[in-house]
Amino acid sequence: MPDEHAATGAATGGAITRDEVAHLARLSRLALREDELDHLATQLGDIISAVARVQEVTAADIPPTSHALPLTNVYRADELRPGLTPEQALSGAPASEQQRFKVPRILDEEV
Protein backbone atom coordinates (compact mmCIF):
# COMPACT_ATOMS: atom_id res chain seq x y z
CA MET A 1 0.00 0.00 0.00
CA PRO A 2 1.62 3.31 -1.03
CA ASP A 3 2.18 5.90 1.67
CA GLU A 4 -0.07 8.87 1.02
CA HIS A 5 2.43 11.14 2.78
CA ALA A 6 5.55 9.95 0.93
CA ALA A 7 5.65 12.98 -1.39
CA THR A 8 6.19 15.78 1.09
CA GLY A 9 7.09 19.40 0.58
CA ALA A 10 10.69 18.64 -0.38
CA ALA A 11 9.53 16.45 -3.26
CA THR A 12 6.76 18.79 -4.38
CA GLY A 13 8.78 21.99 -4.75
CA GLY A 14 8.31 23.31 -1.22
CA ALA A 15 4.54 23.09 -1.01
CA ILE A 16 3.25 21.25 2.02
CA THR A 17 -0.42 20.48 2.24
CA ARG A 18 -2.79 21.12 5.07
CA ASP A 19 -3.33 17.34 5.30
CA GLU A 20 0.41 16.78 5.73
CA VAL A 21 0.49 19.31 8.57
CA ALA A 22 -2.49 17.57 10.18
CA HIS A 23 -0.71 14.21 9.80
CA LEU A 24 2.47 15.58 11.37
CA ALA A 25 0.43 17.11 14.19
CA ARG A 26 -1.20 13.74 14.89
CA LEU A 27 2.19 12.00 14.91
CA SER A 28 3.52 14.67 17.27
CA ARG A 29 0.38 14.50 19.40
CA LEU A 30 -0.28 18.19 18.90
CA ALA A 31 -3.80 19.55 18.96
CA LEU A 32 -4.03 22.21 16.26
CA ARG A 33 -7.01 24.37 15.38
CA GLU A 34 -8.20 24.59 11.78
CA ASP A 35 -6.70 28.06 11.27
CA GLU A 36 -3.37 26.87 12.69
CA LEU A 37 -3.21 24.06 10.12
CA ASP A 38 -3.46 26.55 7.25
CA HIS A 39 -1.00 28.97 8.84
CA LEU A 40 1.57 26.24 9.56
CA ALA A 41 1.21 24.77 6.07
CA THR A 42 2.19 28.16 4.62
CA GLN A 43 5.08 28.63 7.06
CA LEU A 44 6.45 25.11 6.60
CA GLY A 45 6.21 25.49 2.82
CA ASP A 46 8.26 28.69 3.04
CA ILE A 47 10.87 26.96 5.21
CA ILE A 48 11.13 23.99 2.85
CA SER A 49 11.52 26.35 -0.12
CA ALA A 50 14.29 28.28 1.66
CA VAL A 51 16.16 25.08 2.51
CA ALA A 52 15.82 23.92 -1.10
CA ARG A 53 17.35 27.20 -2.31
CA VAL A 54 20.32 26.74 0.03
CA GLN A 55 20.79 23.19 -1.21
CA GLU A 56 21.01 24.47 -4.80
CA VAL A 57 24.24 26.35 -4.07
CA THR A 58 27.24 24.59 -5.53
CA ALA A 59 29.87 24.76 -2.85
CA ALA A 60 32.37 22.28 -4.31
CA ASP A 61 34.93 25.04 -4.89
CA ILE A 62 34.47 26.58 -1.42
CA PRO A 63 36.79 25.14 1.24
CA PRO A 64 35.08 24.02 4.43
CA THR A 65 35.51 26.46 7.31
CA SER A 66 34.36 26.65 10.88
CA HIS A 67 35.08 30.40 11.20
CA ALA A 68 35.09 33.28 8.76
CA LEU A 69 38.50 34.45 9.99
CA PRO A 70 41.49 32.30 10.90
CA LEU A 71 41.87 31.84 14.65
CA THR A 72 45.06 31.46 16.62
CA ASN A 73 45.30 29.74 19.98
CA VAL A 74 45.70 32.52 22.54
CA TYR A 75 46.30 30.23 25.51
CA ARG A 76 49.67 30.04 27.17
CA ALA A 77 51.58 26.79 27.36
CA ASP A 78 50.41 24.48 30.12
CA GLU A 79 53.44 24.67 32.36
CA LEU A 80 53.78 24.04 36.08
CA ARG A 81 54.24 27.30 37.99
CA PRO A 82 54.51 27.93 41.70
CA GLY A 83 51.22 28.99 43.27
CA LEU A 84 50.36 30.92 46.40
CA THR A 85 51.17 29.53 49.79
CA PRO A 86 48.19 29.10 52.13
CA GLU A 87 49.37 32.15 54.06
CA GLN A 88 49.52 34.27 50.91
CA ALA A 89 46.11 33.10 49.73
CA LEU A 90 44.50 33.83 53.10
CA SER A 91 46.31 37.12 53.70
CA GLY A 92 43.40 39.24 52.45
CA ALA A 93 40.62 37.11 53.94
CA PRO A 94 38.54 38.69 56.72
CA ALA A 95 38.68 35.41 58.66
CA SER A 96 40.40 32.05 58.32
CA GLU A 97 40.59 28.83 60.30
CA GLN A 98 42.90 25.80 59.81
CA GLN A 99 44.29 27.23 56.56
CA ARG A 100 40.80 27.68 55.10
CA PHE A 101 38.57 30.65 54.38
CA LYS A 102 36.05 31.09 57.20
CA VAL A 103 32.62 32.19 56.02
CA PRO A 104 29.33 32.74 57.82
CA ARG A 105 27.16 29.63 58.23
CA ILE A 106 24.28 29.53 55.77
CA LEU A 107 22.70 26.23 56.83
CA ASP A 108 21.28 25.53 60.27
CA GLU A 109 22.29 21.89 60.34
CA GLU A 110 25.66 20.17 60.47
CA VAL A 111 26.72 18.57 57.23
C-alpha atoms as a PDB file:
ATOM      1  CA  MET A   1       0.000   0.000   0.000  1.00  0.00           C
ATOM      2  CA  PRO A   2       1.617   3.315  -1.029  1.00  0.00           C
ATOM      3  CA  ASP A   3       2.182   5.895   1.669  1.00  0.00           C
ATOM      4  CA  GLU A   4      -0.072   8.872   1.017  1.00  0.00           C
ATOM      5  CA  HIS A   5       2.433  11.144   2.783  1.00  0.00           C
ATOM      6  CA  ALA A   6       5.551   9.954   0.932  1.00  0.00           C
ATOM      7  CA  ALA A   7       5.654  12.976  -1.394  1.00  0.00           C
ATOM      8  CA  THR A   8       6.190  15.777   1.094  1.00  0.00           C
ATOM      9  CA  GLY A   9       7.093  19.400   0.581  1.00  0.00           C
ATOM     10  CA  ALA A  10      10.688  18.644  -0.378  1.00  0.00           C
ATOM     11  CA  ALA A  11       9.532  16.450  -3.256  1.00  0.00           C
ATOM     12  CA  THR A  12       6.757  18.794  -4.377  1.00  0.00           C
ATOM     13  CA  GLY A  13       8.775  21.993  -4.750  1.00  0.00           C
ATOM     14  CA  GLY A  14       8.313  23.308  -1.223  1.00  0.00           C
ATOM     15  CA  ALA A  15       4.539  23.087  -1.011  1.00  0.00           C
ATOM     16  CA  ILE A  16       3.250  21.246   2.016  1.00  0.00           C
ATOM     17  CA  THR A  17      -0.417  20.476   2.239  1.00  0.00           C
ATOM     18  CA  ARG A  18      -2.791  21.117   5.068  1.00  0.00           C
ATOM     19  CA  ASP A  19      -3.333  17.341   5.304  1.00  0.00           C
ATOM     20  CA  GLU A  20       0.414  16.785   5.728  1.00  0.00           C
ATOM     21  CA  VAL A  21       0.486  19.308   8.569  1.00  0.00           C
ATOM     22  CA  ALA A  22      -2.492  17.567  10.183  1.00  0.00           C
ATOM     23  CA  HIS A  23      -0.710  14.213   9.797  1.00  0.00           C
ATOM     24  CA  LEU A  24       2.474  15.583  11.373  1.00  0.00           C
ATOM     25  CA  ALA A  25       0.431  17.107  14.190  1.00  0.00           C
ATOM     26  CA  ARG A  26      -1.197  13.741  14.894  1.00  0.00           C
ATOM     27  CA  LEU A  27       2.188  11.997  14.908  1.00  0.00           C
ATOM     28  CA  SER A  28       3.523  14.666  17.272  1.00  0.00           C
ATOM     29  CA  ARG A  29       0.381  14.497  19.399  1.00  0.00           C
ATOM     30  CA  LEU A  30      -0.279  18.185  18.897  1.00  0.00           C
ATOM     31  CA  ALA A  31      -3.798  19.546  18.962  1.00  0.00           C
ATOM     32  CA  LEU A  32      -4.027  22.209  16.264  1.00  0.00           C
ATOM     33  CA  ARG A  33      -7.008  24.371  15.378  1.00  0.00           C
ATOM     34  CA  GLU A  34      -8.202  24.590  11.775  1.00  0.00           C
ATOM     35  CA  ASP A  35      -6.704  28.061  11.273  1.00  0.00           C
ATOM     36  CA  GLU A  36      -3.368  26.865  12.694  1.00  0.00           C
ATOM     37  CA  LEU A  37      -3.205  24.059  10.120  1.00  0.00           C
ATOM     38  CA  ASP A  38      -3.460  26.552   7.248  1.00  0.00           C
ATOM     39  CA  HIS A  39      -1.001  28.968   8.840  1.00  0.00           C
ATOM     40  CA  LEU A  40       1.569  26.241   9.557  1.00  0.00           C
ATOM     41  CA  ALA A  41       1.215  24.774   6.065  1.00  0.00           C
ATOM     42  CA  THR A  42       2.189  28.163   4.624  1.00  0.00           C
ATOM     43  CA  GLN A  43       5.078  28.634   7.057  1.00  0.00           C
ATOM     44  CA  LEU A  44       6.450  25.114   6.597  1.00  0.00           C
ATOM     45  CA  GLY A  45       6.210  25.489   2.822  1.00  0.00           C
ATOM     46  CA  ASP A  46       8.263  28.690   3.036  1.00  0.00           C
ATOM     47  CA  ILE A  47      10.867  26.956   5.212  1.00  0.00           C
ATOM     48  CA  ILE A  48      11.131  23.987   2.851  1.00  0.00           C
ATOM     49  CA  SER A  49      11.523  26.353  -0.123  1.00  0.00           C
ATOM     50  CA  ALA A  50      14.288  28.276   1.664  1.00  0.00           C
ATOM     51  CA  VAL A  51      16.162  25.076   2.509  1.00  0.00           C
ATOM     52  CA  ALA A  52      15.815  23.917  -1.101  1.00  0.00           C
ATOM     53  CA  ARG A  53      17.355  27.201  -2.315  1.00  0.00           C
ATOM     54  CA  VAL A  54      20.321  26.744   0.034  1.00  0.00           C
ATOM     55  CA  GLN A  55      20.795  23.185  -1.209  1.00  0.00           C
ATOM     56  CA  GLU A  56      21.014  24.468  -4.802  1.00  0.00           C
ATOM     57  CA  VAL A  57      24.240  26.354  -4.066  1.00  0.00           C
ATOM     58  CA  THR A  58      27.244  24.591  -5.532  1.00  0.00           C
ATOM     59  CA  ALA A  59      29.872  24.755  -2.852  1.00  0.00           C
ATOM     60  CA  ALA A  60      32.365  22.284  -4.309  1.00  0.00           C
ATOM     61  CA  ASP A  61      34.927  25.045  -4.894  1.00  0.00           C
ATOM     62  CA  ILE A  62      34.474  26.580  -1.425  1.00  0.00           C
ATOM     63  CA  PRO A  63      36.792  25.142   1.235  1.00  0.00           C
ATOM     64  CA  PRO A  64      35.075  24.019   4.434  1.00  0.00           C
ATOM     65  CA  THR A  65      35.506  26.463   7.308  1.00  0.00           C
ATOM     66  CA  SER A  66      34.363  26.654  10.875  1.00  0.00           C
ATOM     67  CA  HIS A  67      35.081  30.395  11.197  1.00  0.00           C
ATOM     68  CA  ALA A  68      35.090  33.279   8.756  1.00  0.00           C
ATOM     69  CA  LEU A  69      38.496  34.451   9.991  1.00  0.00           C
ATOM     70  CA  PRO A  70      41.486  32.298  10.904  1.00  0.00           C
ATOM     71  CA  LEU A  71      41.868  31.840  14.649  1.00  0.00           C
ATOM     72  CA  THR A  72      45.055  31.459  16.624  1.00  0.00           C
ATOM     73  CA  ASN A  73      45.305  29.736  19.978  1.00  0.00           C
ATOM     74  CA  VAL A  74      45.701  32.516  22.542  1.00  0.00           C
ATOM     75  CA  TYR A  75      46.299  30.233  25.506  1.00  0.00           C
ATOM     76  CA  ARG A  76      49.674  30.037  27.170  1.00  0.00           C
ATOM     77  CA  ALA A  77      51.584  26.793  27.358  1.00  0.00           C
ATOM     78  CA  ASP A  78      50.408  24.480  30.116  1.00  0.00           C
ATOM     79  CA  GLU A  79      53.445  24.667  32.361  1.00  0.00           C
ATOM     80  CA  LEU A  80      53.778  24.044  36.076  1.00  0.00           C
ATOM     81  CA  ARG A  81      54.239  27.301  37.992  1.00  0.00           C
ATOM     82  CA  PRO A  82      54.513  27.934  41.703  1.00  0.00           C
ATOM     83  CA  GLY A  83      51.223  28.995  43.270  1.00  0.00           C
ATOM     84  CA  LEU A  84      50.360  30.918  46.396  1.00  0.00           C
ATOM     85  CA  THR A  85      51.170  29.527  49.790  1.00  0.00           C
ATOM     86  CA  PRO A  86      48.194  29.100  52.126  1.00  0.00           C
ATOM     87  CA  GLU A  87      49.365  32.149  54.063  1.00  0.00           C
ATOM     88  CA  GLN A  88      49.524  34.271  50.905  1.00  0.00           C
ATOM     89  CA  ALA A  89      46.107  33.096  49.730  1.00  0.00           C
ATOM     90  CA  LEU A  90      44.502  33.829  53.101  1.00  0.00           C
ATOM     91  CA  SER A  91      46.313  37.121  53.702  1.00  0.00           C
ATOM     92  CA  GLY A  92      43.405  39.242  52.450  1.00  0.00           C
ATOM     93  CA  ALA A  93      40.619  37.112  53.935  1.00  0.00           C
ATOM     94  CA  PRO A  94      38.538  38.692  56.718  1.00  0.00           C
ATOM     95  CA  ALA A  95      38.678  35.408  58.661  1.00  0.00           C
ATOM     96  CA  SER A  96      40.403  32.053  58.323  1.00  0.00           C
ATOM     97  CA  GLU A  97      40.591  28.827  60.295  1.00  0.00           C
ATOM     98  CA  GLN A  98      42.895  25.802  59.809  1.00  0.00           C
ATOM     99  CA  GLN A  99      44.294  27.226  56.560  1.00  0.00           C
ATOM    100  CA  ARG A 100      40.799  27.675  55.104  1.00  0.00           C
ATOM    101  CA  PHE A 101      38.573  30.648  54.380  1.00  0.00           C
ATOM    102  CA  LYS A 102      36.050  31.093  57.198  1.00  0.00           C
ATOM    103  CA  VAL A 103      32.623  32.187  56.016  1.00  0.00           C
ATOM    104  CA  PRO A 104      29.328  32.740  57.820  1.00  0.00           C
ATOM    105  CA  ARG A 105      27.164  29.631  58.230  1.00  0.00           C
ATOM    106  CA  ILE A 106      24.278  29.528  55.767  1.00  0.00           C
ATOM    107  CA  LEU A 107      22.703  26.225  56.829  1.00  0.00           C
ATOM    108  CA  ASP A 108      21.278  25.533  60.268  1.00  0.00           C
ATOM    109  CA  GLU A 109      22.287  21.889  60.342  1.00  0.00           C
ATOM    110  CA  GLU A 110      25.656  20.171  60.471  1.00  0.00           C
ATOM    111  CA  VAL A 111      26.721  18.568  57.226  1.00  0.00           C
END
